Structures are given as C-alpha cells and as structure tokens.
PDB file of N, CA and C in Angstrom:
ATOM      1  N   MET A   1      50.182 151.930 157.939  1.00  0.00           N
ATOM      2  CA  MET A   1      50.864 150.725 158.457  1.00  0.00           C
ATOM      3  C   MET A   1      52.200 150.846 158.153  1.00  0.00           C
ATOM      4  N   PRO A   2      53.214 150.773 159.181  1.00  0.00           N
ATOM      5  CA  PRO A   2      54.576 150.905 158.678  1.00  0.00           C
ATOM      6  C   PRO A   2      55.099 149.582 158.177  1.00  0.00           C
ATOM      7  N   ALA A   3      55.994 150.158 157.074  1.00  0.00           N
ATOM      8  CA  ALA A   3      56.702 149.001 156.267  1.00  0.00           C
ATOM      9  C   ALA A   3      57.923 148.367 156.861  1.00  0.00           C
ATOM     10  N   THR A   4      58.394 148.546 157.976  1.00  0.00           N
ATOM     11  CA  THR A   4      59.178 147.816 158.796  1.00  0.00           C
ATOM     12  C   THR A   4      58.664 147.095 160.013  1.00  0.00           C
ATOM     13  N   ALA A   5      59.271 146.165 160.352  1.00  0.00           N
ATOM     14  CA  ALA A   5      58.826 145.304 161.541  1.00  0.00           C
ATOM     15  C   ALA A   5      59.007 145.976 162.919  1.00  0.00           C
ATOM     16  N   PRO A   6      58.222 146.235 163.884  1.00  0.00           N
ATOM     17  CA  PRO A   6      58.805 146.725 165.088  1.00  0.00           C
ATOM     18  C   PRO A   6      59.993 146.046 165.684  1.00  0.00           C
ATOM     19  N   GLN A   7      60.837 146.816 166.468  1.00  0.00           N
ATOM     20  CA  GLN A   7      61.998 146.254 166.915  1.00  0.00           C
ATOM     21  C   GLN A   7      61.758 145.818 168.318  1.00  0.00           C
ATOM     22  N   ALA A   8      62.237 144.946 168.869  1.00  0.00           N
ATOM     23  CA  ALA A   8      62.292 144.530 170.375  1.00  0.00           C
ATOM     24  C   ALA A   8      62.884 145.764 171.115  1.00  0.00           C
ATOM     25  N   PRO A   9      62.626 145.846 172.276  1.00  0.00           N
ATOM     26  CA  PRO A   9      63.174 146.926 173.191  1.00  0.00           C
ATOM     27  C   PRO A   9      64.848 146.655 173.376  1.00  0.00           C
ATOM     28  N   GLN A  10      65.316 145.488 173.283  1.00  0.00           N
ATOM     29  CA  GLN A  10      66.768 145.109 173.574  1.00  0.00           C
ATOM     30  C   GLN A  10      67.607 145.546 172.389  1.00  0.00           C
ATOM     31  N   ALA A  11      67.005 145.518 171.143  1.00  0.00           N
ATOM     32  CA  ALA A  11      67.452 145.916 169.921  1.00  0.00           C
ATOM     33  C   ALA A  11      68.305 147.184 169.937  1.00  0.00           C
ATOM     34  N   ARG A  12      67.818 148.198 170.471  1.00  0.00           N
ATOM     35  CA  ARG A  12      68.286 149.516 170.668  1.00  0.00           C
ATOM     36  C   ARG A  12      69.602 149.558 171.349  1.00  0.00           C
ATOM     37  N   SER A  13      69.531 148.738 172.478  1.00  0.00           N
ATOM     38  CA  SER A  13      70.804 148.599 173.394  1.00  0.00           C
ATOM     39  C   SER A  13      71.818 147.920 173.096  1.00  0.00           C
ATOM     40  N   TYR A  14      71.684 147.074 171.920  1.00  0.00           N
ATOM     41  CA  TYR A  14      72.764 146.117 171.562  1.00  0.00           C
ATOM     42  C   TYR A  14      74.121 146.749 171.399  1.00  0.00           C
ATOM     43  N   PHE A  15      74.123 147.813 170.859  1.00  0.00           N
ATOM     44  CA  PHE A  15      75.453 148.599 170.763  1.00  0.00           C
ATOM     45  C   PHE A  15      75.292 149.922 171.636  1.00  0.00           C
ATOM     46  N   PRO A  16      75.849 149.900 172.924  1.00  0.00           N
ATOM     47  CA  PRO A  16      75.667 150.823 173.858  1.00  0.00           C
ATOM     48  C   PRO A  16      76.341 152.132 173.373  1.00  0.00           C
ATOM     49  N   ALA A  17      75.750 153.259 173.619  1.00  0.00           N
ATOM     50  CA  ALA A  17      76.220 154.539 173.115  1.00  0.00           C
ATOM     51  C   ALA A  17      77.441 154.807 173.822  1.00  0.00           C
ATOM     52  N   PRO A  18      77.685 154.515 175.359  1.00  0.00           N
ATOM     53  CA  PRO A  18      78.800 154.854 175.986  1.00  0.00           C
ATOM     54  C   PRO A  18      79.997 154.267 175.338  1.00  0.00           C
ATOM     55  N   THR A  19      80.007 153.209 175.035  1.00  0.00           N
ATOM     56  CA  THR A  19      81.227 152.253 174.302  1.00  0.00           C
ATOM     57  C   THR A  19      81.837 153.121 173.117  1.00  0.00           C
ATOM     58  N   TYR A  20      80.876 153.368 172.227  1.00  0.00           N
ATOM     59  CA  TYR A  20      81.213 153.909 170.844  1.00  0.00           C
ATOM     60  C   TYR A  20      81.328 155.407 170.838  1.00  0.00           C
ATOM     61  N   GLY A  21      80.817 156.195 172.073  1.00  0.00           N
ATOM     62  CA  GLY A  21      80.730 157.417 172.008  1.00  0.00           C
ATOM     63  C   GLY A  21      82.069 158.195 172.826  1.00  0.00           C
ATOM     64  N   ARG A  22      83.039 157.200 173.297  1.00  0.00           N
ATOM     65  CA  ARG A  22      84.229 157.640 173.872  1.00  0.00           C
ATOM     66  C   ARG A  22      85.181 158.391 173.018  1.00  0.00           C
ATOM     67  N   HIS A  23      85.988 159.317 173.410  1.00  0.00           N
ATOM     68  CA  HIS A  23      86.961 159.728 172.645  1.00  0.00           C
ATOM     69  C   HIS A  23      88.389 159.081 172.565  1.00  0.00           C
ATOM     70  N   ALA A  24      88.841 159.192 171.254  1.00  0.00           N
ATOM     71  CA  ALA A  24      90.224 158.619 171.279  1.00  0.00           C
ATOM     72  C   ALA A  24      91.318 158.985 172.503  1.00  0.00           C
ATOM     73  N   PRO A  25      91.881 157.959 172.899  1.00  0.00           N
ATOM     74  CA  PRO A  25      92.903 158.508 173.974  1.00  0.00           C
ATOM     75  C   PRO A  25      93.969 159.381 173.230  1.00  0.00           C
ATOM     76  N   THR A  26      94.522 160.506 174.078  1.00  0.00           N
ATOM     77  CA  THR A  26      95.591 161.296 173.604  1.00  0.00           C
ATOM     78  C   THR A  26      96.871 160.608 173.835  1.00  0.00           C
ATOM     79  N   LEU A  27      97.850 160.798 172.894  1.00  0.00           N
ATOM     80  CA  LEU A  27      99.010 160.251 172.917  1.00  0.00           C
ATOM     81  C   LEU A  27      99.921 161.056 173.947  1.00  0.00           C
ATOM     82  N   PRO A  28     101.052 160.355 174.588  1.00  0.00           N
ATOM     83  CA  PRO A  28     101.935 161.011 175.290  1.00  0.00           C
ATOM     84  C   PRO A  28     102.592 162.062 174.325  1.00  0.00           C
ATOM     85  N   PRO A  29     103.366 163.013 174.831  1.00  0.00           N
ATOM     86  CA  PRO A  29     104.125 164.136 174.087  1.00  0.00           C
ATOM     87  C   PRO A  29     105.150 163.547 173.016  1.00  0.00           C
ATOM     88  N   ASN A  30     105.885 162.294 173.401  1.00  0.00           N
ATOM     89  CA  ASN A  30     106.994 162.020 172.510  1.00  0.00           C
ATOM     90  C   ASN A  30     106.552 160.823 171.784  1.00  0.00           C
ATOM     91  N   GLU A  31     105.277 160.453 171.693  1.00  0.00           N
ATOM     92  CA  GLU A  31     104.744 159.353 170.895  1.00  0.00           C
ATOM     93  C   GLU A  31     104.644 159.768 169.331  1.00  0.00           C
ATOM     94  N   PRO A  32     105.284 158.895 168.514  1.00  0.00           N
ATOM     95  CA  PRO A  32     105.254 159.271 167.026  1.00  0.00           C
ATOM     96  C   PRO A  32     103.632 159.161 166.606  1.00  0.00           C
ATOM     97  N   VAL A  33     103.066 160.238 165.773  1.00  0.00           N
ATOM     98  CA  VAL A  33     101.708 160.270 165.417  1.00  0.00           C
ATOM     99  C   VAL A  33     101.914 159.553 164.106  1.00  0.00           C
ATOM    100  N   PRO A  34     100.689 158.677 163.796  1.00  0.00           N
ATOM    101  CA  PRO A  34     100.814 157.753 162.551  1.00  0.00           C
ATOM    102  C   PRO A  34     100.911 158.745 161.346  1.00  0.00           C
ATOM    103  N   GLY A  35     101.748 158.318 160.253  1.00  0.00           N
ATOM    104  CA  GLY A  35     101.934 159.286 159.083  1.00  0.00           C
ATOM    105  C   GLY A  35     102.923 160.233 159.084  1.00  0.00           C
ATOM    106  N   GLU A  36     103.493 160.482 160.340  1.00  0.00           N
ATOM    107  CA  GLU A  36     104.755 161.571 160.371  1.00  0.00           C
ATOM    108  C   GLU A  36     105.954 160.866 159.814  1.00  0.00           C
ATOM    109  N   THR A  37     106.939 161.727 159.582  1.00  0.00           N
ATOM    110  CA  THR A  37     108.141 161.212 159.101  1.00  0.00           C
ATOM    111  C   THR A  37     109.088 161.547 160.176  1.00  0.00           C
ATOM    112  N   GLU A  38     109.552 160.380 160.938  1.00  0.00           N
ATOM    113  CA  GLU A  38     110.619 160.441 162.011  1.00  0.00           C
ATOM    114  C   GLU A  38     112.067 160.903 161.292  1.00  0.00           C
ATOM    115  N   GLU A  39     112.942 161.546 162.286  1.00  0.00           N
ATOM    116  CA  GLU A  39     114.350 162.072 161.754  1.00  0.00           C
ATOM    117  C   GLU A  39     114.975 160.988 161.106  1.00  0.00           C
ATOM    118  N   TRP A  40     114.940 159.792 161.704  1.00  0.00           N
ATOM    119  CA  TRP A  40     115.921 158.650 160.975  1.00  0.00           C
ATOM    120  C   TRP A  40     115.376 158.310 159.808  1.00  0.00           C
ATOM    121  N   GLU A  41     114.109 158.352 159.539  1.00  0.00           N
ATOM    122  CA  GLU A  41     113.592 157.960 158.210  1.00  0.00           C
ATOM    123  C   GLU A  41     113.770 158.929 157.163  1.00  0.00           C
ATOM    124  N   ALA A  42     114.091 160.282 157.533  1.00  0.00           N
ATOM    125  CA  ALA A  42     114.357 161.221 156.413  1.00  0.00           C
ATOM    126  C   ALA A  42     115.659 161.279 155.974  1.00  0.00           C
ATOM    127  N   VAL A  43     116.539 160.493 156.545  1.00  0.00           N
ATOM    128  CA  VAL A  43     117.952 160.374 156.126  1.00  0.00           C
ATOM    129  C   VAL A  43     118.041 159.408 154.889  1.00  0.00           C
ATOM    130  N   THR A  44     118.863 159.803 153.891  1.00  0.00           N
ATOM    131  CA  THR A  44     118.845 158.814 152.698  1.00  0.00           C
ATOM    132  C   THR A  44     120.475 158.548 152.738  1.00  0.00           C
ATOM    133  N   ALA A  45     120.728 157.316 152.302  1.00  0.00           N
ATOM    134  CA  ALA A  45     122.022 156.909 151.988  1.00  0.00           C
ATOM    135  C   ALA A  45     122.543 157.435 150.739  1.00  0.00           C
ATOM    136  N   VAL A  46     123.874 157.981 150.705  1.00  0.00           N
ATOM    137  CA  VAL A  46     124.161 158.525 149.650  1.00  0.00           C
ATOM    138  C   VAL A  46     125.584 157.681 149.204  1.00  0.00           C
ATOM    139  N   ARG A  47     125.454 157.078 147.944  1.00  0.00           N
ATOM    140  CA  ARG A  47     126.586 156.139 147.661  1.00  0.00           C
ATOM    141  C   ARG A  47     127.711 156.954 147.014  1.00  0.00           C
ATOM    142  N   PRO A  48     128.939 156.919 147.208  1.00  0.00           N
ATOM    143  CA  PRO A  48     129.828 157.662 146.665  1.00  0.00           C
ATOM    144  C   PRO A  48     130.110 157.086 145.275  1.00  0.00           C
ATOM    145  N   ASP A  49     130.459 157.943 144.183  1.00  0.00           N
ATOM    146  CA  ASP A  49     130.761 157.465 142.891  1.00  0.00           C
ATOM    147  C   ASP A  49     132.111 157.302 142.651  1.00  0.00           C
ATOM    148  N   THR A  50     132.423 156.008 143.115  1.00  0.00           N
ATOM    149  CA  THR A  50     133.883 155.597 142.919  1.00  0.00           C
ATOM    150  C   THR A  50     133.940 154.344 142.050  1.00  0.00           C
ATOM    151  N   PRO A  51     135.139 153.997 141.524  1.00  0.00           N
ATOM    152  CA  PRO A  51     135.316 152.958 140.635  1.00  0.00           C
ATOM    153  C   PRO A  51     134.831 151.805 141.272  1.00  0.00           C
ATOM    154  N   HIS A  52     135.151 151.449 142.640  1.00  0.00           N
ATOM    155  CA  HIS A  52     134.821 150.422 143.294  1.00  0.00           C
ATOM    156  C   HIS A  52     133.333 150.198 143.495  1.00  0.00           C
ATOM    157  N   VAL A  53     132.585 151.100 143.666  1.00  0.00           N
ATOM    158  CA  VAL A  53     131.259 151.122 143.824  1.00  0.00           C
ATOM    159  C   VAL A  53     130.503 150.786 142.386  1.00  0.00           C
ATOM    160  N   ARG A  54     130.996 151.579 141.453  1.00  0.00           N
ATOM    161  CA  ARG A  54     130.616 150.974 140.022  1.00  0.00           C
ATOM    162  C   ARG A  54     130.804 149.630 139.692  1.00  0.00           C
ATOM    163  N   ALA A  55     132.008 149.289 140.096  1.00  0.00           N
ATOM    164  CA  ALA A  55     132.317 147.838 139.649  1.00  0.00           C
ATOM    165  C   ALA A  55     131.425 146.776 140.424  1.00  0.00           C
ATOM    166  N   LEU A  56     131.122 146.886 141.664  1.00  0.00           N
ATOM    167  CA  LEU A  56     130.194 146.103 142.290  1.00  0.00           C
ATOM    168  C   LEU A  56     128.823 146.223 141.680  1.00  0.00           C
ATOM    169  N   ARG A  57     128.281 147.499 141.293  1.00  0.00           N
ATOM    170  CA  ARG A  57     127.053 147.582 140.658  1.00  0.00           C
ATOM    171  C   ARG A  57     127.221 146.659 139.336  1.00  0.00           C
ATOM    172  N   PHE A  58     128.138 146.872 138.472  1.00  0.00           N
ATOM    173  CA  PHE A  58     128.380 146.110 137.305  1.00  0.00           C
ATOM    174  C   PHE A  58     128.443 144.533 137.475  1.00  0.00           C
ATOM    175  N   VAL A  59     129.113 144.025 138.403  1.00  0.00           N
ATOM    176  CA  VAL A  59     129.139 142.807 138.803  1.00  0.00           C
ATOM    177  C   VAL A  59     127.797 142.140 139.240  1.00  0.00           C
ATOM    178  N   SER A  60     127.090 142.917 139.971  1.00  0.00           N
ATOM    179  CA  SER A  60     125.699 142.509 140.270  1.00  0.00           C
ATOM    180  C   SER A  60     124.680 142.421 139.255  1.00  0.00           C
ATOM    181  N   THR A  61     124.771 143.534 138.418  1.00  0.00           N
ATOM    182  CA  THR A  61     123.962 143.348 137.166  1.00  0.00           C
ATOM    183  C   THR A  61     124.280 142.311 136.068  1.00  0.00           C
ATOM    184  N   ALA A  62     125.720 142.077 136.087  1.00  0.00           N
ATOM    185  CA  ALA A  62     126.295 140.974 135.240  1.00  0.00           C
ATOM    186  C   ALA A  62     125.690 139.736 135.413  1.00  0.00           C
ATOM    187  N   GLY A  63     125.853 139.563 136.908  1.00  0.00           N
ATOM    188  CA  GLY A  63     125.516 138.163 137.434  1.00  0.00           C
ATOM    189  C   GLY A  63     123.724 137.965 137.440  1.00  0.00           C
ATOM    190  N   ASP A  64     123.139 138.993 137.384  1.00  0.00           N
ATOM    191  CA  ASP A  64     121.516 138.799 137.375  1.00  0.00           C
ATOM    192  C   ASP A  64     121.432 138.592 135.953  1.00  0.00           C
ATOM    193  N   LEU A  65     121.920 139.116 134.909  1.00  0.00           N
ATOM    194  CA  LEU A  65     121.610 139.035 133.605  1.00  0.00           C
ATOM    195  C   LEU A  65     122.179 137.507 133.331  1.00  0.00           C
ATOM    196  N   LEU A  66     123.249 137.036 133.747  1.00  0.00           N
ATOM    197  CA  LEU A  66     123.825 135.691 133.471  1.00  0.00           C
ATOM    198  C   LEU A  66     122.624 134.823 134.085  1.00  0.00           C
ATOM    199  N   ALA A  67     122.252 134.749 135.254  1.00  0.00           N
ATOM    200  CA  ALA A  67     121.383 133.966 135.819  1.00  0.00           C
ATOM    201  C   ALA A  67     120.163 134.017 135.054  1.00  0.00           C
ATOM    202  N   ALA A  68     119.475 135.250 134.813  1.00  0.00           N
ATOM    203  CA  ALA A  68     118.491 135.170 133.711  1.00  0.00           C
ATOM    204  C   ALA A  68     118.502 134.341 132.529  1.00  0.00           C
ATOM    205  N   LEU A  69     119.835 134.450 131.733  1.00  0.00           N
ATOM    206  CA  LEU A  69     119.771 133.744 130.577  1.00  0.00           C
ATOM    207  C   LEU A  69     119.929 132.274 131.015  1.00  0.00           C
ATOM    208  N   VAL A  70     120.577 131.832 131.952  1.00  0.00           N
ATOM    209  CA  VAL A  70     120.798 130.403 132.222  1.00  0.00           C
ATOM    210  C   VAL A  70     119.484 129.926 132.683  1.00  0.00           C
ATOM    211  N   LEU A  71     118.534 130.600 133.365  1.00  0.00           N
ATOM    212  CA  LEU A  71     117.368 130.056 133.547  1.00  0.00           C
ATOM    213  C   LEU A  71     116.306 129.958 132.376  1.00  0.00           C
ATOM    214  N   ILE A  72     116.376 130.939 131.635  1.00  0.00           N
ATOM    215  CA  ILE A  72     115.632 130.952 130.575  1.00  0.00           C
ATOM    216  C   ILE A  72     115.958 130.013 129.537  1.00  0.00           C
ATOM    217  N   GLY A  73     117.439 129.926 129.174  1.00  0.00           N
ATOM    218  CA  GLY A  73     117.935 128.872 128.213  1.00  0.00           C
ATOM    219  C   GLY A  73     117.782 127.397 128.719  1.00  0.00           C
ATOM    220  N   GLY A  74     118.009 127.406 130.114  1.00  0.00           N
ATOM    221  CA  GLY A  74     117.729 126.009 130.646  1.00  0.00           C
ATOM    222  C   GLY A  74     116.105 125.459 130.433  1.00  0.00           C
ATOM    223  N   GLY A  75     115.180 126.422 130.818  1.00  0.00           N
ATOM    224  CA  GLY A  75     113.792 126.171 130.426  1.00  0.00           C
ATOM    225  C   GLY A  75     113.454 125.783 129.026  1.00  0.00           C
ATOM    226  N   MET A  76     114.101 126.591 128.095  1.00  0.00           N
ATOM    227  CA  MET A  76     114.008 126.365 126.760  1.00  0.00           C
ATOM    228  C   MET A  76     114.501 125.016 126.276  1.00  0.00           C
ATOM    229  N   SER A  77     115.620 124.564 126.773  1.00  0.00           N
ATOM    230  CA  SER A  77     116.194 123.387 126.306  1.00  0.00           C
ATOM    231  C   SER A  77     115.302 122.322 127.063  1.00  0.00           C
ATOM    232  N   LEU A  78     114.950 122.365 128.204  1.00  0.00           N
ATOM    233  CA  LEU A  78     114.204 121.267 128.772  1.00  0.00           C
ATOM    234  C   LEU A  78     112.820 121.230 128.118  1.00  0.00           C
ATOM    235  N   ILE A  79     112.186 122.194 127.783  1.00  0.00           N
ATOM    236  CA  ILE A  79     110.962 122.007 126.787  1.00  0.00           C
ATOM    237  C   ILE A  79     111.181 121.226 125.740  1.00  0.00           C
ATOM    238  N   GLY A  80     112.393 121.842 124.757  1.00  0.00           N
ATOM    239  CA  GLY A  80     112.684 121.080 123.553  1.00  0.00           C
ATOM    240  C   GLY A  80     113.126 119.672 123.830  1.00  0.00           C
ATOM    241  N   LEU A  81     113.766 119.399 124.796  1.00  0.00           N
ATOM    242  CA  LEU A  81     114.047 117.957 125.199  1.00  0.00           C
ATOM    243  C   LEU A  81     112.702 117.176 125.488  1.00  0.00           C
ATOM    244  N   ALA A  82     111.958 117.665 126.146  1.00  0.00           N
ATOM    245  CA  ALA A  82     110.589 117.002 126.656  1.00  0.00           C
ATOM    246  C   ALA A  82     109.789 116.908 125.181  1.00  0.00           C
ATOM    247  N   SER A  83     109.818 117.813 124.419  1.00  0.00           N
ATOM    248  CA  SER A  83     108.941 117.626 123.081  1.00  0.00           C
ATOM    249  C   SER A  83     109.524 116.718 122.145  1.00  0.00           C
ATOM    250  N   HIS A  84     110.754 116.361 122.371  1.00  0.00           N
ATOM    251  CA  HIS A  84     111.409 115.246 121.479  1.00  0.00           C
ATOM    252  C   HIS A  84     111.360 113.741 121.960  1.00  0.00           C
ATOM    253  N   LEU A  85     110.996 113.692 123.320  1.00  0.00           N
ATOM    254  CA  LEU A  85     110.841 112.320 123.965  1.00  0.00           C
ATOM    255  C   LEU A  85     109.645 111.821 123.677  1.00  0.00           C
TER     256      LEU A  85
END
C-alpha cells in the first residue's frame, strides 16, 4: 500500500514544463553582465594632499566632534535636570 495519496491528473500539469524549461535570453553584445566592473566604476578619485584639503578635513572632523560633544552633553544635562524635578 503506498504511503502517499494518489495525485489528481491535473496536479502534474500545474507547473507546465515548457514555461520553466526555456533558456534565459541572451544579452545584446553591449549590455553589461551583472557582476562585471564597468570602466567608469574602476576609476577612483585621488585627493591631492595640499594644505587646503587637509584644512577642510580637519574642519569637518572638528565639527563632527563638536556636534557629538554638544549632543552627548545636552542629553546628559537633560537627564540630570529631569532627575532633579
């Protein structure tokens, strides 16, 4: 006696083989293949190491640190203020 129930005749044709048996379409010759690096993606920007570039990086870093200190200090002072009220 079989352990599985017999299938209806339509059950086998639910996923028609011709639909899933087709090959993937071929890409035209100039289409990029997924995963390939295009020429414009392989170019990297090189920053010149001049005083002006270093100054901008320093100002940006200093601004980020100052903003972090203000946010952390403000949060600490608000928590302290809330605990005293």
